[in-house]
Structures are given as structure tokens and as C-alpha cells.
Amino acid sequence: QVQLVDSGGGLVQAGGSLRLSCAASGSIGSINAMGWYRQAPGKERELVARIISDGSTNYGDSVKGRFTISRGNGKNTVNLEMNSLKPEDTAVYYCNALYGSNWRDYWGQGTQVTVSS
């Protein structure tokens, strides 16, 4: 099993930047991918960015060119650099890990990102 702790959210003005971090603990050797999803009020949860164990990355269309996902020191952390933030980026951001042979989802507790106009 895996436990995820995400952090780094906050309030920022449009055009600003924030950095989110997620630390995994537990059976981290069986993590296939880690990433971030977000959910705004009244909307479905959507993929923001994901990094696979081979280093490849995926991004949601709305954040391409503005957000960058990367590994921290060691396999158990990922960071999300968010630049040129827009009010529509406002959401709760959740760290996600895909684990084991059946790629089971694990989730962090979520961190609020608010972008003011």
C-alpha cells in the first residue's frame, strides 16, 4: 500500500506561480506512475499531469506549456511547477499514484489552489 501527502497550495494572483509537492511512503517500489489531478466546484476531477516510471509525462490540454511535473530527490516525490496561473486553474489539487500490477489508484488529501483575477 501507499500513503500520499500533498502540499504547497495557496492563494496567488493571475499570472503568478505555485509549486506543489507530493511525498509517497509505503511500498513505493510498486508505484507505476505519480501525478496530479484537480477538481473545481461542480466539475469532474481531471488529469493535470502525470509522470510514469520510465520518465515519460502526460499533461492535460489546459495546462500544457504552463505546468511542469518532475521527480524530486528519490522515487517517492513529485513536484508540480505551475506558472502563468489563471483563475480557471482554481481547484483542489490531488496527488495520485498508480500502484501495482492492476494500477490501483491512491490519492492524497488534496491541497487548495486559488488564483485571483
C-alpha atoms as a PDB file:
ATOM      1  CA  GLN A   1       0.000   0.000   0.000  1.00  0.00           C
ATOM      2  CA  VAL A   2       0.947   3.631  -0.461  1.00  0.00           C
ATOM      3  CA  GLN A   3       0.308   6.805   1.500  1.00  0.00           C
ATOM      4  CA  LEU A   4       0.464  10.188  -0.214  1.00  0.00           C
ATOM      5  CA  VAL A   5       0.907  13.601   1.376  1.00  0.00           C
ATOM      6  CA  ASP A   6       0.470  16.594  -0.886  1.00  0.00           C
ATOM      7  CA  SER A   7       1.341  20.185  -0.066  1.00  0.00           C
ATOM      8  CA  GLY A   8       2.089  23.599  -1.488  1.00  0.00           C
ATOM      9  CA  GLY A   9      -1.269  25.055  -2.414  1.00  0.00           C
ATOM     10  CA  GLY A  10      -2.310  28.595  -1.647  1.00  0.00           C
ATOM     11  CA  LEU A  11      -3.630  31.879  -2.986  1.00  0.00           C
ATOM     12  CA  VAL A  12      -1.910  33.591  -5.890  1.00  0.00           C
ATOM     13  CA  GLN A  13      -2.766  36.326  -8.358  1.00  0.00           C
ATOM     14  CA  ALA A  14      -3.329  35.560 -12.014  1.00  0.00           C
ATOM     15  CA  GLY A  15      -0.019  35.255 -13.832  1.00  0.00           C
ATOM     16  CA  GLY A  16       1.751  34.040 -10.726  1.00  0.00           C
ATOM     17  CA  SER A  17       3.350  30.710  -9.874  1.00  0.00           C
ATOM     18  CA  LEU A  18       2.983  27.963  -7.305  1.00  0.00           C
ATOM     19  CA  ARG A  19       4.777  24.707  -6.635  1.00  0.00           C
ATOM     20  CA  LEU A  20       3.029  21.605  -5.369  1.00  0.00           C
ATOM     21  CA  SER A  21       4.809  18.632  -3.845  1.00  0.00           C
ATOM     22  CA  CYS A  22       3.714  15.092  -3.134  1.00  0.00           C
ATOM     23  CA  ALA A  23       5.566  12.598  -0.984  1.00  0.00           C
ATOM     24  CA  ALA A  24       4.783   8.896  -1.104  1.00  0.00           C
ATOM     25  CA  SER A  25       5.523   6.376   1.607  1.00  0.00           C
ATOM     26  CA  GLY A  26       4.905   2.669   1.992  1.00  0.00           C
ATOM     27  CA  SER A  27       5.541   0.233  -0.846  1.00  0.00           C
ATOM     28  CA  ILE A  28       6.930   2.873  -3.199  1.00  0.00           C
ATOM     29  CA  GLY A  29       8.786   0.293  -5.272  1.00  0.00           C
ATOM     30  CA  SER A  30       5.475  -0.796  -6.793  1.00  0.00           C
ATOM     31  CA  ILE A  31       4.387   2.669  -7.905  1.00  0.00           C
ATOM     32  CA  ASN A  32       3.984   2.797 -11.706  1.00  0.00           C
ATOM     33  CA  ALA A  33       3.157   6.470 -12.029  1.00  0.00           C
ATOM     34  CA  MET A  34       2.534   9.566  -9.946  1.00  0.00           C
ATOM     35  CA  GLY A  35       0.776  12.741 -10.829  1.00  0.00           C
ATOM     36  CA  TRP A  36      -1.791  15.375 -10.083  1.00  0.00           C
ATOM     37  CA  TYR A  37      -5.499  15.707 -10.700  1.00  0.00           C
ATOM     38  CA  ARG A  38      -7.711  18.658  -9.871  1.00  0.00           C
ATOM     39  CA  GLN A  39     -11.365  19.204  -9.135  1.00  0.00           C
ATOM     40  CA  ALA A  40     -13.138  22.541  -9.275  1.00  0.00           C
ATOM     41  CA  PRO A  41     -16.577  23.071  -7.699  1.00  0.00           C
ATOM     42  CA  GLY A  42     -19.277  21.479  -9.818  1.00  0.00           C
ATOM     43  CA  LYS A  43     -16.798  19.853 -12.166  1.00  0.00           C
ATOM     44  CA  GLU A  44     -15.368  16.395 -12.575  1.00  0.00           C
ATOM     45  CA  ARG A  45     -11.874  15.530 -11.436  1.00  0.00           C
ATOM     46  CA  GLU A  46      -9.421  15.916 -14.314  1.00  0.00           C
ATOM     47  CA  LEU A  47      -5.842  14.968 -15.039  1.00  0.00           C
ATOM     48  CA  VAL A  48      -3.343  17.800 -14.662  1.00  0.00           C
ATOM     49  CA  ALA A  49      -0.051  15.973 -15.156  1.00  0.00           C
ATOM     50  CA  ARG A  50       1.446  12.542 -14.661  1.00  0.00           C
ATOM     51  CA  ILE A  51       4.939  11.079 -14.755  1.00  0.00           C
ATOM     52  CA  ILE A  52       5.398   7.399 -15.497  1.00  0.00           C
ATOM     53  CA  SER A  53       8.136   5.223 -14.017  1.00  0.00           C
ATOM     54  CA  ASP A  54      10.052   5.376 -17.321  1.00  0.00           C
ATOM     55  CA  GLY A  55      10.156   9.171 -17.055  1.00  0.00           C
ATOM     56  CA  SER A  56       7.545   9.916 -19.707  1.00  0.00           C
ATOM     57  CA  THR A  57       4.957  12.571 -18.905  1.00  0.00           C
ATOM     58  CA  ASN A  58       1.344  13.403 -19.761  1.00  0.00           C
ATOM     59  CA  TYR A  59      -0.373  16.750 -19.365  1.00  0.00           C
ATOM     60  CA  GLY A  60      -3.940  17.937 -19.532  1.00  0.00           C
ATOM     61  CA  ASP A  61      -4.538  20.138 -22.570  1.00  0.00           C
ATOM     62  CA  SER A  62      -5.390  23.181 -20.471  1.00  0.00           C
ATOM     63  CA  VAL A  63      -2.032  23.214 -18.670  1.00  0.00           C
ATOM     64  CA  LYS A  64       0.397  22.284 -21.449  1.00  0.00           C
ATOM     65  CA  GLY A  65       3.206  24.803 -21.705  1.00  0.00           C
ATOM     66  CA  ARG A  66       2.444  26.282 -18.272  1.00  0.00           C
ATOM     67  CA  PHE A  67       2.836  23.406 -15.821  1.00  0.00           C
ATOM     68  CA  THR A  68       5.799  21.063 -15.417  1.00  0.00           C
ATOM     69  CA  ILE A  69       5.862  17.823 -13.465  1.00  0.00           C
ATOM     70  CA  SER A  70       9.140  16.395 -12.211  1.00  0.00           C
ATOM     71  CA  ARG A  71      10.534  13.920  -9.737  1.00  0.00           C
ATOM     72  CA  GLY A  72      12.034  15.132  -6.524  1.00  0.00           C
ATOM     73  CA  ASN A  73      15.039  13.526  -4.917  1.00  0.00           C
ATOM     74  CA  GLY A  74      14.353   9.796  -4.958  1.00  0.00           C
ATOM     75  CA  LYS A  75      11.448   7.924  -6.462  1.00  0.00           C
ATOM     76  CA  ASN A  76       8.960   8.858  -3.769  1.00  0.00           C
ATOM     77  CA  THR A  77       8.354  12.550  -4.518  1.00  0.00           C
ATOM     78  CA  VAL A  78       6.923  14.508  -7.399  1.00  0.00           C
ATOM     79  CA  ASN A  79       6.677  18.242  -7.854  1.00  0.00           C
ATOM     80  CA  LEU A  80       4.357  20.317  -9.995  1.00  0.00           C
ATOM     81  CA  GLU A  81       5.590  23.722 -11.077  1.00  0.00           C
ATOM     82  CA  MET A  82       2.632  25.872 -12.083  1.00  0.00           C
ATOM     83  CA  ASN A  83       3.342  29.065 -13.996  1.00  0.00           C
ATOM     84  CA  SER A  84       1.164  31.670 -15.681  1.00  0.00           C
ATOM     85  CA  LEU A  85      -1.702  30.684 -13.432  1.00  0.00           C
ATOM     86  CA  LYS A  86      -5.226  31.608 -14.458  1.00  0.00           C
ATOM     87  CA  PRO A  87      -8.404  31.941 -12.393  1.00  0.00           C
ATOM     88  CA  GLU A  88      -9.703  28.817 -14.116  1.00  0.00           C
ATOM     89  CA  ASP A  89      -6.858  26.863 -12.509  1.00  0.00           C
ATOM     90  CA  THR A  90      -8.605  27.323  -9.172  1.00  0.00           C
ATOM     91  CA  ALA A  91      -9.375  23.884  -7.755  1.00  0.00           C
ATOM     92  CA  VAL A  92      -8.438  21.319  -5.166  1.00  0.00           C
ATOM     93  CA  TYR A  93      -5.360  19.509  -6.449  1.00  0.00           C
ATOM     94  CA  TYR A  94      -4.934  15.853  -5.549  1.00  0.00           C
ATOM     95  CA  CYS A  95      -1.763  13.815  -5.739  1.00  0.00           C
ATOM     96  CA  ASN A  96      -2.321  10.432  -7.365  1.00  0.00           C
ATOM     97  CA  ALA A  97      -0.289   7.235  -7.556  1.00  0.00           C
ATOM     98  CA  LEU A  98      -0.906   4.220  -9.760  1.00  0.00           C
ATOM     99  CA  TYR A  99       0.235   1.135  -7.892  1.00  0.00           C
ATOM    100  CA  GLY A 100       0.955  -2.481  -8.567  1.00  0.00           C
ATOM    101  CA  SER A 101       0.095  -4.873 -11.365  1.00  0.00           C
ATOM    102  CA  ASN A 102      -3.516  -3.637 -11.601  1.00  0.00           C
ATOM    103  CA  TRP A 103      -2.547   0.054 -11.479  1.00  0.00           C
ATOM    104  CA  ARG A 104      -4.673   0.777  -8.436  1.00  0.00           C
ATOM    105  CA  ASP A 105      -5.338   4.433  -7.594  1.00  0.00           C
ATOM    106  CA  TYR A 106      -4.135   6.035  -4.403  1.00  0.00           C
ATOM    107  CA  TRP A 107      -4.926   9.639  -3.509  1.00  0.00           C
ATOM    108  CA  GLY A 108      -3.512  12.371  -1.361  1.00  0.00           C
ATOM    109  CA  GLN A 109      -5.725  14.501   0.869  1.00  0.00           C
ATOM    110  CA  GLY A 110      -5.821  17.405  -1.577  1.00  0.00           C
ATOM    111  CA  THR A 111      -4.486  20.939  -1.471  1.00  0.00           C
ATOM    112  CA  GLN A 112      -6.420  24.067  -2.434  1.00  0.00           C
ATOM    113  CA  VAL A 113      -5.112  26.326  -5.187  1.00  0.00           C
ATOM    114  CA  THR A 114      -6.892  29.639  -5.632  1.00  0.00           C
ATOM    115  CA  VAL A 115      -5.994  32.068  -8.405  1.00  0.00           C
ATOM    116  CA  SER A 116      -7.456  35.541  -8.113  1.00  0.00           C
ATOM    117  CA  SER A 117      -8.083  37.755 -11.117  1.00  0.00           C
END
